[in-house]
C-alpha atoms as a PDB file:
ATOM      1  CA  MET A   1     -28.381  -7.685 -29.020  1.00  0.00           C
ATOM      2  CA  ALA A   2     -31.331 -10.037 -28.723  1.00  0.00           C
ATOM      3  CA  ILE A   3     -30.645 -13.417 -27.145  1.00  0.00           C
ATOM      4  CA  THR A   4     -32.013 -16.031 -29.507  1.00  0.00           C
ATOM      5  CA  GLU A   5     -34.271 -18.847 -28.374  1.00  0.00           C
ATOM      6  CA  GLN A   6     -31.797 -21.295 -29.897  1.00  0.00           C
ATOM      7  CA  LEU A   7     -28.995 -19.950 -27.730  1.00  0.00           C
ATOM      8  CA  LYS A   8     -31.165 -20.125 -24.616  1.00  0.00           C
ATOM      9  CA  SER A   9     -31.967 -23.739 -25.440  1.00  0.00           C
ATOM     10  CA  LEU A  10     -28.309 -24.641 -25.911  1.00  0.00           C
ATOM     11  CA  VAL A  11     -27.244 -22.908 -22.698  1.00  0.00           C
ATOM     12  CA  GLU A  12     -29.943 -24.776 -20.825  1.00  0.00           C
ATOM     13  CA  GLN A  13     -28.220 -28.002 -21.849  1.00  0.00           C
ATOM     14  CA  MET A  14     -25.033 -27.032 -19.982  1.00  0.00           C
ATOM     15  CA  PRO A  15     -24.342 -28.509 -16.492  1.00  0.00           C
ATOM     16  CA  ASN A  16     -25.747 -26.621 -13.540  1.00  0.00           C
ATOM     17  CA  SER A  17     -24.710 -26.016  -9.951  1.00  0.00           C
ATOM     18  CA  THR A  18     -26.769 -28.957  -8.664  1.00  0.00           C
ATOM     19  CA  MET A  19     -24.202 -31.357 -10.131  1.00  0.00           C
ATOM     20  CA  GLN A  20     -22.014 -31.498  -7.054  1.00  0.00           C
ATOM     21  CA  LYS A  21     -20.305 -34.871  -7.313  1.00  0.00           C
ATOM     22  CA  LYS A  22     -17.043 -34.964  -9.185  1.00  0.00           C
ATOM     23  CA  GLU A  23     -18.042 -38.105 -11.060  1.00  0.00           C
ATOM     24  CA  ASP A  24     -21.246 -36.392 -12.190  1.00  0.00           C
ATOM     25  CA  ARG A  25     -19.389 -33.366 -13.509  1.00  0.00           C
ATOM     26  CA  ILE A  26     -16.444 -34.887 -15.375  1.00  0.00           C
ATOM     27  CA  GLY A  27     -16.409 -38.606 -14.719  1.00  0.00           C
ATOM     28  CA  LYS A  28     -18.873 -39.771 -17.335  1.00  0.00           C
ATOM     29  CA  ASP A  29     -17.923 -39.809 -21.009  1.00  0.00           C
ATOM     30  CA  GLU A  30     -21.478 -39.218 -22.135  1.00  0.00           C
ATOM     31  CA  ILE A  31     -21.724 -36.002 -20.116  1.00  0.00           C
ATOM     32  CA  LYS A  32     -18.417 -34.785 -21.488  1.00  0.00           C
ATOM     33  CA  GLU A  33     -19.455 -35.582 -25.065  1.00  0.00           C
ATOM     34  CA  ALA A  34     -22.793 -33.851 -24.577  1.00  0.00           C
ATOM     35  CA  ILE A  35     -21.089 -30.705 -23.255  1.00  0.00           C
ATOM     36  CA  GLU A  36     -18.612 -30.648 -26.166  1.00  0.00           C
ATOM     37  CA  LYS A  37     -21.438 -31.035 -28.675  1.00  0.00           C
ATOM     38  CA  THR A  38     -23.398 -28.198 -27.090  1.00  0.00           C
ATOM     39  CA  VAL A  39     -20.347 -25.955 -26.950  1.00  0.00           C
ATOM     40  CA  ALA A  40     -19.539 -26.604 -30.598  1.00  0.00           C
ATOM     41  CA  ALA A  41     -23.112 -25.692 -31.538  1.00  0.00           C
ATOM     42  CA  ILE A  42     -22.932 -22.424 -29.561  1.00  0.00           C
ATOM     43  CA  ALA A  43     -19.502 -21.567 -31.040  1.00  0.00           C
ATOM     44  CA  ALA A  44     -20.827 -22.198 -34.536  1.00  0.00           C
ATOM     45  CA  GLY A  45     -23.129 -19.214 -34.021  1.00  0.00           C
ATOM     46  CA  GLY A  46     -20.114 -16.912 -34.041  1.00  0.00           C
ATOM     47  CA  LYS A  47     -19.890 -13.447 -32.491  1.00  0.00           C
ATOM     48  CA  GLU A  48     -23.643 -13.150 -32.077  1.00  0.00           C
ATOM     49  CA  ASN A  49     -23.754 -16.126 -29.712  1.00  0.00           C
ATOM     50  CA  VAL A  50     -20.682 -14.907 -27.809  1.00  0.00           C
ATOM     51  CA  LEU A  51     -22.348 -11.521 -27.288  1.00  0.00           C
ATOM     52  CA  GLY A  52     -25.545 -13.319 -26.317  1.00  0.00           C
ATOM     53  CA  LEU A  53     -23.724 -15.335 -23.625  1.00  0.00           C
ATOM     54  CA  ILE A  54     -22.219 -12.137 -22.278  1.00  0.00           C
ATOM     55  CA  GLU A  55     -25.680 -10.577 -22.121  1.00  0.00           C
ATOM     56  CA  MET A  56     -26.900 -13.640 -20.219  1.00  0.00           C
ATOM     57  CA  LEU A  57     -24.294 -13.281 -17.458  1.00  0.00           C
ATOM     58  CA  ALA A  58     -26.086 -12.521 -14.200  1.00  0.00           C
ATOM     59  CA  GLU A  59     -25.269 -11.907 -10.543  1.00  0.00           C
ATOM     60  CA  PRO A  60     -21.984 -13.771  -9.830  1.00  0.00           C
ATOM     61  CA  GLY A  61     -22.671 -17.091  -8.118  1.00  0.00           C
ATOM     62  CA  SER A  62     -26.378 -17.004  -8.795  1.00  0.00           C
ATOM     63  CA  LYS A  63     -28.256 -19.872 -10.392  1.00  0.00           C
ATOM     64  CA  ALA A  64     -29.041 -17.669 -13.388  1.00  0.00           C
ATOM     65  CA  ASP A  65     -25.283 -17.004 -13.943  1.00  0.00           C
ATOM     66  CA  CYS A  66     -24.004 -20.549 -13.607  1.00  0.00           C
ATOM     67  CA  LYS A  67     -24.813 -21.923 -17.044  1.00  0.00           C
ATOM     68  CA  PRO A  68     -23.962 -18.918 -19.238  1.00  0.00           C
ATOM     69  CA  HIS A  69     -20.766 -18.338 -17.201  1.00  0.00           C
ATOM     70  CA  PHE A  70     -19.587 -21.893 -17.802  1.00  0.00           C
ATOM     71  CA  ALA A  71     -20.781 -21.891 -21.405  1.00  0.00           C
ATOM     72  CA  LEU A  72     -18.821 -18.722 -22.173  1.00  0.00           C
ATOM     73  CA  HIS A  73     -15.640 -20.206 -20.760  1.00  0.00           C
ATOM     74  CA  CYS A  74     -16.092 -23.352 -22.855  1.00  0.00           C
ATOM     75  CA  VAL A  75     -16.854 -21.366 -25.987  1.00  0.00           C
ATOM     76  CA  VAL A  76     -13.699 -19.263 -25.575  1.00  0.00           C
ATOM     77  CA  ASN A  77     -11.695 -22.459 -25.119  1.00  0.00           C
ATOM     78  CA  HIS A  78     -13.297 -24.245 -28.097  1.00  0.00           C
ATOM     79  CA  PRO A  79     -11.354 -22.609 -30.967  1.00  0.00           C
ATOM     80  CA  LEU A  80      -8.094 -23.229 -29.093  1.00  0.00           C
ATOM     81  CA  VAL A  81      -8.958 -26.931 -28.860  1.00  0.00           C
ATOM     82  CA  ILE A  82      -9.907 -27.290 -32.512  1.00  0.00           C
ATOM     83  CA  ARG A  83      -7.169 -24.871 -33.625  1.00  0.00           C
ATOM     84  CA  ASP A  84      -9.446 -22.491 -35.481  1.00  0.00           C
ATOM     85  CA  GLU A  85      -7.643 -19.134 -35.506  1.00  0.00           C
ATOM     86  CA  LYS A  86     -10.423 -17.251 -37.252  1.00  0.00           C
ATOM     87  CA  MET A  87     -12.965 -18.391 -34.652  1.00  0.00           C
ATOM     88  CA  ARG A  88     -10.564 -17.561 -31.805  1.00  0.00           C
ATOM     89  CA  ARG A  89      -9.987 -14.035 -33.108  1.00  0.00           C
ATOM     90  CA  GLU A  90     -13.730 -13.357 -33.663  1.00  0.00           C
ATOM     91  CA  THR A  91     -14.574 -14.725 -30.232  1.00  0.00           C
ATOM     92  CA  CYS A  92     -11.991 -12.526 -28.559  1.00  0.00           C
ATOM     93  CA  GLU A  93     -13.081  -9.495 -30.589  1.00  0.00           C
ATOM     94  CA  ALA A  94     -16.577 -10.014 -29.185  1.00  0.00           C
ATOM     95  CA  LEU A  95     -15.214 -10.251 -25.632  1.00  0.00           C
ATOM     96  CA  ALA A  96     -13.072  -7.183 -26.111  1.00  0.00           C
ATOM     97  CA  SER A  97     -16.009  -5.142 -27.420  1.00  0.00           C
ATOM     98  CA  GLN A  98     -17.797  -5.614 -24.100  1.00  0.00           C
ATOM     99  CA  LEU A  99     -15.030  -4.631 -21.676  1.00  0.00           C
ATOM    100  CA  GLY A 100     -16.440  -1.130 -21.397  1.00  0.00           C
ATOM    101  CA  ASN A 101     -20.057  -2.278 -21.052  1.00  0.00           C
ATOM    102  CA  GLU A 102     -21.174  -0.672 -17.826  1.00  0.00           C
ATOM    103  CA  LYS A 103     -24.300  -2.797 -17.747  1.00  0.00           C
ATOM    104  CA  LEU A 104     -22.023  -5.675 -16.750  1.00  0.00           C
ATOM    105  CA  SER A 105     -20.940  -5.933 -13.133  1.00  0.00           C
ATOM    106  CA  ALA A 106     -17.289  -5.268 -12.311  1.00  0.00           C
ATOM    107  CA  TYR A 107     -16.943  -8.982 -11.608  1.00  0.00           C
ATOM    108  CA  ASN A 108     -18.160  -9.926 -15.062  1.00  0.00           C
ATOM    109  CA  ARG A 109     -16.005  -7.291 -16.765  1.00  0.00           C
ATOM    110  CA  SER A 110     -13.071  -8.823 -14.934  1.00  0.00           C
ATOM    111  CA  TYR A 111     -14.213 -12.270 -16.025  1.00  0.00           C
ATOM    112  CA  LEU A 112     -14.043 -11.212 -19.677  1.00  0.00           C
ATOM    113  CA  CYS A 113     -10.515  -9.940 -19.105  1.00  0.00           C
ATOM    114  CA  GLN A 114      -9.578 -13.277 -17.491  1.00  0.00           C
ATOM    115  CA  GLU A 115     -10.799 -15.124 -20.549  1.00  0.00           C
ATOM    116  CA  LEU A 116      -8.707 -12.808 -22.765  1.00  0.00           C
ATOM    117  CA  GLN A 117      -5.685 -13.461 -20.571  1.00  0.00           C
ATOM    118  CA  TRP A 118      -5.150 -16.848 -22.170  1.00  0.00           C
ATOM    119  CA  ALA A 119      -7.160 -16.655 -25.411  1.00  0.00           C
ATOM    120  CA  GLY A 120      -6.578 -13.045 -26.456  1.00  0.00           C
ATOM    121  CA  ARG A 121      -3.949 -11.743 -28.857  1.00  0.00           C
ATOM    122  CA  ASP A 122      -3.495  -8.482 -30.778  1.00  0.00           C
ATOM    123  CA  GLU A 123      -7.249  -7.968 -31.189  1.00  0.00           C
ATOM    124  CA  ALA A 124      -7.738  -7.631 -27.431  1.00  0.00           C
ATOM    125  CA  CYS A 125      -4.937  -5.250 -26.477  1.00  0.00           C
ATOM    126  CA  ALA A 126      -6.526  -1.854 -27.222  1.00  0.00           C
ATOM    127  CA  ALA A 127      -9.664  -2.709 -25.233  1.00  0.00           C
ATOM    128  CA  LEU A 128      -7.636  -4.143 -22.370  1.00  0.00           C
ATOM    129  CA  GLY A 129      -5.555  -0.955 -22.294  1.00  0.00           C
ATOM    130  CA  LYS A 130      -8.758   0.968 -21.608  1.00  0.00           C
ATOM    131  CA  ALA A 131     -10.045  -1.638 -19.153  1.00  0.00           C
ATOM    132  CA  VAL A 132      -6.863  -1.333 -17.091  1.00  0.00           C
ATOM    133  CA  LEU A 133      -8.168   2.148 -16.136  1.00  0.00           C
ATOM    134  CA  ASP A 134     -11.470   0.614 -14.909  1.00  0.00           C
ATOM    135  CA  GLU A 135     -11.061   0.226 -11.137  1.00  0.00           C
ATOM    136  CA  GLY A 136     -13.338  -2.785 -11.179  1.00  0.00           C
ATOM    137  CA  ALA A 137     -11.382  -4.663 -13.840  1.00  0.00           C
ATOM    138  CA  THR A 138      -7.882  -3.224 -13.583  1.00  0.00           C
ATOM    139  CA  ASP A 139      -6.252  -6.232 -11.979  1.00  0.00           C
ATOM    140  CA  ALA A 140      -7.555  -8.721 -14.531  1.00  0.00           C
ATOM    141  CA  ALA A 141      -6.870  -6.359 -17.457  1.00  0.00           C
ATOM    142  CA  ALA A 142      -3.278  -5.801 -16.410  1.00  0.00           C
ATOM    143  CA  MET A 143      -2.655  -9.538 -15.989  1.00  0.00           C
ATOM    144  CA  ALA A 144      -4.200 -10.183 -19.393  1.00  0.00           C
ATOM    145  CA  LEU A 145      -1.874  -7.697 -21.077  1.00  0.00           C
ATOM    146  CA  VAL A 146       1.149  -9.182 -19.392  1.00  0.00           C
ATOM    147  CA  ALA A 147       0.114 -12.657 -20.492  1.00  0.00           C
ATOM    148  CA  ILE A 148      -0.360 -11.525 -24.101  1.00  0.00           C
ATOM    149  CA  GLY A 149       2.996  -9.782 -24.015  1.00  0.00           C
ATOM    150  CA  GLY A 150       5.103  -7.882 -26.505  1.00  0.00           C
ATOM    151  CA  GLU A 151       4.836  -4.418 -27.961  1.00  0.00           C
ATOM    152  CA  ARG A 152       1.144  -5.013 -28.726  1.00  0.00           C
ATOM    153  CA  ALA A 153       0.474  -5.182 -24.986  1.00  0.00           C
ATOM    154  CA  ALA A 154       3.003  -2.549 -23.862  1.00  0.00           C
ATOM    155  CA  ALA A 155       1.755   0.176 -26.205  1.00  0.00           C
ATOM    156  CA  PRO A 156      -1.704   0.645 -24.627  1.00  0.00           C
ATOM    157  CA  LEU A 157      -0.188   0.440 -21.165  1.00  0.00           C
ATOM    158  CA  ARG A 158       2.180   3.305 -21.997  1.00  0.00           C
ATOM    159  CA  VAL A 159      -0.833   5.334 -23.076  1.00  0.00           C
ATOM    160  CA  ALA A 160      -2.685   4.483 -19.878  1.00  0.00           C
ATOM    161  CA  VAL A 161       0.096   5.717 -17.578  1.00  0.00           C
ATOM    162  CA  ALA A 162      -0.811   9.369 -17.958  1.00  0.00           C
ATOM    163  CA  ALA A 163      -4.383   8.820 -16.707  1.00  0.00           C
ATOM    164  CA  ALA A 164      -3.562   6.246 -14.022  1.00  0.00           C
ATOM    165  CA  THR A 165      -3.657   7.040 -10.312  1.00  0.00           C
ATOM    166  CA  GLY A 166      -3.538   5.059  -7.074  1.00  0.00           C
ATOM    167  CA  LYS A 167      -3.904   1.303  -7.417  1.00  0.00           C
ATOM    168  CA  ILE A 168      -4.371   1.586 -11.165  1.00  0.00           C
ATOM    169  CA  ARG A 169      -1.042   3.419 -11.562  1.00  0.00           C
ATOM    170  CA  LEU A 170       0.662   0.627  -9.668  1.00  0.00           C
ATOM    171  CA  ASN A 171      -0.961  -1.990 -11.908  1.00  0.00           C
ATOM    172  CA  VAL A 172       0.092  -0.180 -15.090  1.00  0.00           C
ATOM    173  CA  ILE A 173       3.716   0.372 -14.029  1.00  0.00           C
ATOM    174  CA  ASP A 174       3.977  -3.133 -12.616  1.00  0.00           C
ATOM    175  CA  ALA A 175       2.645  -4.572 -15.915  1.00  0.00           C
ATOM    176  CA  LEU A 176       5.143  -2.522 -17.932  1.00  0.00           C
ATOM    177  CA  ALA A 177       7.870  -3.729 -15.611  1.00  0.00           C
ATOM    178  CA  LYS A 178       6.868  -7.370 -16.094  1.00  0.00           C
ATOM    179  CA  LEU A 179       6.998  -6.726 -19.859  1.00  0.00           C
ATOM    180  CA  ALA A 180      10.515  -5.258 -19.454  1.00  0.00           C
ATOM    181  CA  ASP A 181       9.401  -2.393 -21.661  1.00  0.00           C
ATOM    182  CA  ALA A 182      12.473  -0.370 -22.617  1.00  0.00           C
ATOM    183  CA  LYS A 183      10.305   2.416 -24.082  1.00  0.00           C
ATOM    184  CA  SER A 184       9.004   3.099 -20.563  1.00  0.00           C
ATOM    185  CA  GLU A 185      12.417   4.081 -19.202  1.00  0.00           C
ATOM    186  CA  ALA A 186      11.370   7.694 -18.648  1.00  0.00           C
ATOM    187  CA  THR A 187       8.197   6.572 -16.892  1.00  0.00           C
ATOM    188  CA  PHE A 188      10.099   4.144 -14.647  1.00  0.00           C
ATOM    189  CA  THR A 189      12.746   6.711 -13.809  1.00  0.00           C
ATOM    190  CA  ALA A 190      10.186   9.366 -12.878  1.00  0.00           C
ATOM    191  CA  ALA A 191       8.255   6.803 -10.772  1.00  0.00           C
ATOM    192  CA  LEU A 192      11.351   6.175  -8.616  1.00  0.00           C
ATOM    193  CA  SER A 193      10.266   9.268  -6.703  1.00  0.00           C
ATOM    194  CA  ASP A 194       6.546   8.365  -6.542  1.00  0.00           C
ATOM    195  CA  PRO A 195       4.931   8.830  -3.106  1.00  0.00           C
ATOM    196  CA  ASP A 196       3.805   5.182  -3.191  1.00  0.00           C
ATOM    197  CA  GLU A 197       6.547   2.758  -2.185  1.00  0.00           C
ATOM    198  CA  GLU A 198       5.027  -0.089  -4.190  1.00  0.00           C
ATOM    199  CA  VAL A 199       5.101   2.070  -7.314  1.00  0.00           C
ATOM    200  CA  ARG A 200       8.752   2.971  -6.657  1.00  0.00           C
ATOM    201  CA  LEU A 201       9.668  -0.684  -6.322  1.00  0.00           C
ATOM    202  CA  ALA A 202       7.763  -1.662  -9.490  1.00  0.00           C
ATOM    203  CA  ALA A 203       9.503   1.115 -11.369  1.00  0.00           C
ATOM    204  CA  ALA A 204      12.890  -0.079 -10.150  1.00  0.00           C
ATOM    205  CA  ALA A 205      12.070  -3.624 -11.246  1.00  0.00           C
ATOM    206  CA  GLY A 206      11.120  -2.242 -14.656  1.00  0.00           C
ATOM    207  CA  LEU A 207      14.413  -0.442 -15.079  1.00  0.00           C
ATOM    208  CA  SER A 208      16.388  -3.499 -14.067  1.00  0.00           C
ATOM    209  CA  LYS A 209      14.477  -5.894 -16.346  1.00  0.00           C
ATOM    210  CA  ALA A 210      14.734  -3.589 -19.354  1.00  0.00           C
ATOM    211  CA  GLY A 211      18.520  -3.805 -18.984  1.00  0.00           C
ATOM    212  CA  LEU A 212      19.329  -0.255 -20.121  1.00  0.00           C
ATOM    213  CA  PRO A 213      22.791   1.202 -19.203  1.00  0.00           C
ATOM    214  CA  THR A 214      21.277   4.658 -18.622  1.00  0.00           C
ATOM    215  CA  ALA A 215      19.156   3.211 -15.818  1.00  0.00           C
ATOM    216  CA  ALA A 216      22.196   2.563 -13.603  1.00  0.00           C
ATOM    217  CA  LYS A 217      22.647   6.096 -12.281  1.00  0.00           C
ATOM    218  CA  PRO A 218      19.057   6.770 -11.116  1.00  0.00           C
ATOM    219  CA  LEU A 219      18.632   3.236  -9.820  1.00  0.00           C
ATOM    220  CA  LEU A 220      21.853   3.314  -7.770  1.00  0.00           C
ATOM    221  CA  ALA A 221      20.920   6.750  -6.393  1.00  0.00           C
ATOM    222  CA  ALA A 222      17.464   5.558  -5.353  1.00  0.00           C
ATOM    223  CA  ALA A 223      18.840   2.475  -3.690  1.00  0.00           C
ATOM    224  CA  GLU A 224      21.505   4.450  -1.816  1.00  0.00           C
ATOM    225  CA  ALA A 225      18.918   6.866  -0.449  1.00  0.00           C
ATOM    226  CA  ALA A 226      16.431   4.213   0.649  1.00  0.00           C
ATOM    227  CA  LYS A 227      16.105   2.500   4.019  1.00  0.00           C
ATOM    228  CA  GLY A 228      14.912  -0.872   5.268  1.00  0.00           C
ATOM    229  CA  TRP A 229      12.906  -3.176   3.013  1.00  0.00           C
ATOM    230  CA  GLN A 230      12.846  -0.641   0.184  1.00  0.00           C
ATOM    231  CA  ARG A 231      16.690  -0.450   0.207  1.00  0.00           C
ATOM    232  CA  ILE A 232      16.901  -4.223   0.015  1.00  0.00           C
ATOM    233  CA  GLN A 233      14.528  -4.378  -2.962  1.00  0.00           C
ATOM    234  CA  LEU A 234      16.130  -1.466  -4.814  1.00  0.00           C
ATOM    235  CA  THR A 235      19.546  -2.980  -4.309  1.00  0.00           C
ATOM    236  CA  LYS A 236      18.223  -6.203  -5.733  1.00  0.00           C
ATOM    237  CA  SER A 237      17.102  -4.302  -8.812  1.00  0.00           C
ATOM    238  CA  CYS A 238      20.602  -2.868  -9.128  1.00  0.00           C
ATOM    239  CA  LEU A 239      22.076  -6.363  -9.078  1.00  0.00           C
ATOM    240  CA  VAL A 240      19.535  -7.574 -11.658  1.00  0.00           C
ATOM    241  CA  LEU A 241      20.448  -4.653 -13.942  1.00  0.00           C
ATOM    242  CA  ALA A 242      24.137  -5.493 -13.593  1.00  0.00           C
ATOM    243  CA  GLU A 243      23.467  -9.108 -14.542  1.00  0.00           C
ATOM    244  CA  LYS A 244      21.374  -8.024 -17.525  1.00  0.00           C
ATOM    245  CA  LEU A 245      24.136  -5.686 -18.734  1.00  0.00           C
ATOM    246  CA  ALA A 246      26.840  -8.317 -18.269  1.00  0.00           C
ATOM    247  CA  ALA A 247      24.780 -10.883 -20.176  1.00  0.00           C
ATOM    248  CA  ALA A 248      24.354  -8.359 -23.028  1.00  0.00           C
ATOM    249  CA  GLY A 249      28.119  -7.912 -23.236  1.00  0.00           C
ATOM    250  CA  LYS A 250      28.138  -4.483 -21.594  1.00  0.00           C
ATOM    251  CA  LYS A 251      30.779  -5.366 -19.048  1.00  0.00           C
ATOM    252  CA  PRO A 252      32.048  -1.838 -18.250  1.00  0.00           C
ATOM    253  CA  GLU A 253      28.516  -0.724 -17.336  1.00  0.00           C
ATOM    254  CA  ALA A 254      27.957  -3.846 -15.241  1.00  0.00           C
ATOM    255  CA  ARG A 255      31.326  -3.420 -13.543  1.00  0.00           C
ATOM    256  CA  GLN A 256      30.457   0.142 -12.525  1.00  0.00           C
ATOM    257  CA  ILE A 257      27.324  -1.077 -10.722  1.00  0.00           C
ATOM    258  CA  TYR A 258      29.121  -3.940  -8.952  1.00  0.00           C
ATOM    259  CA  GLU A 259      31.976  -1.666  -7.843  1.00  0.00           C
ATOM    260  CA  GLN A 260      29.652   0.988  -6.457  1.00  0.00           C
ATOM    261  CA  LEU A 261      27.658  -1.605  -4.528  1.00  0.00           C
ATOM    262  CA  ARG A 262      30.796  -3.161  -3.168  1.00  0.00           C
ATOM    263  CA  THR A 263      32.112   0.211  -2.047  1.00  0.00           C
ATOM    264  CA  THR A 264      28.950   1.695  -0.557  1.00  0.00           C
ATOM    265  CA  ARG A 265      27.453  -1.298   1.241  1.00  0.00           C
ATOM    266  CA  LYS A 266      29.609  -1.270   4.349  1.00  0.00           C
ATOM    267  CA  ALA A 267      27.121  -2.305   7.057  1.00  0.00           C
ATOM    268  CA  ASP A 268      27.317  -5.784   8.527  1.00  0.00           C
ATOM    269  CA  ASN A 269      23.778  -6.577   7.433  1.00  0.00           C
ATOM    270  CA  GLU A 270      24.726  -5.749   3.825  1.00  0.00           C
ATOM    271  CA  ARG A 271      27.638  -8.107   3.633  1.00  0.00           C
ATOM    272  CA  TYR A 272      25.632 -10.267   1.236  1.00  0.00           C
ATOM    273  CA  VAL A 273      25.495  -7.334  -1.185  1.00  0.00           C
ATOM    274  CA  ARG A 274      29.297  -6.953  -1.133  1.00  0.00           C
ATOM    275  CA  GLU A 275      29.673 -10.688  -1.705  1.00  0.00           C
ATOM    276  CA  ALA A 276      27.197 -10.642  -4.588  1.00  0.00           C
ATOM    277  CA  ALA A 277      29.073  -7.721  -6.120  1.00  0.00           C
ATOM    278  CA  GLU A 278      32.391  -9.617  -5.802  1.00  0.00           C
ATOM    279  CA  ILE A 279      30.887 -12.666  -7.482  1.00  0.00           C
ATOM    280  CA  GLY A 280      29.604 -10.469 -10.305  1.00  0.00           C
ATOM    281  CA  LEU A 281      32.967  -8.787 -10.773  1.00  0.00           C
ATOM    282  CA  LYS A 282      34.773 -12.128 -10.944  1.00  0.00           C
ATOM    283  CA  ALA A 283      32.277 -13.348 -13.552  1.00  0.00           C
ATOM    284  CA  ILE A 284      33.072 -10.480 -15.920  1.00  0.00           C
ATOM    285  CA  ALA A 285      36.812 -10.219 -15.208  1.00  0.00           C
END
């Protein structure tokens, strides 16, 4: 879209990188008030101005990028401050519409995801689910979906799993694990045998946090077969699962995990596991 002269004029009123002193940036009420007035005027222009700001983003760290970059952040924050849900949603819809814009640098696509991390809701999830497959924005997109949370965030991540490889696959499975997504049990279980150790550990964490009784068998088997650091982390996931099951009133299933860990962890350096299992058994006796 065309960037209006009015928007250019408003952006020009924003602080620039030459304002180095802290007191010059935020210490003077008149500067703060001027910024807020300018931001309100930009936000009043709706989606068109948000899209215009995105188009104005330039090389990260450059003088040309400084003002539109800061202005966009302030405009995203503005509806949260004034509690205008309609404006927040429309602003985030505009951001989400540009996540696949290849004219933007990877840095700026990630920047849009970062803004959605704290301002986005349902309207951002589908676009973030696609952005998580963008190698340049995958980290920020995954973090944004985790921050938004719930089924609305988990659903596009479950779709993304099939196409995800390498670092992106780790990000997707780790995000689903952080969301404790019970619908991803099959994905987590299959990923316990992934060639990437970090993916295996993320999958184990997902199974433990989801708190599903059927996860006990594959999780215990994976932990028993593992060595070194991976064995420690997988055993931790087993203990977390047992705690989750016990808290949900599923004491027989929790007891089975504790008893197996107490029986199989015989090495001196795994004494702490036996002790943790004993404590767990006493708690559900």
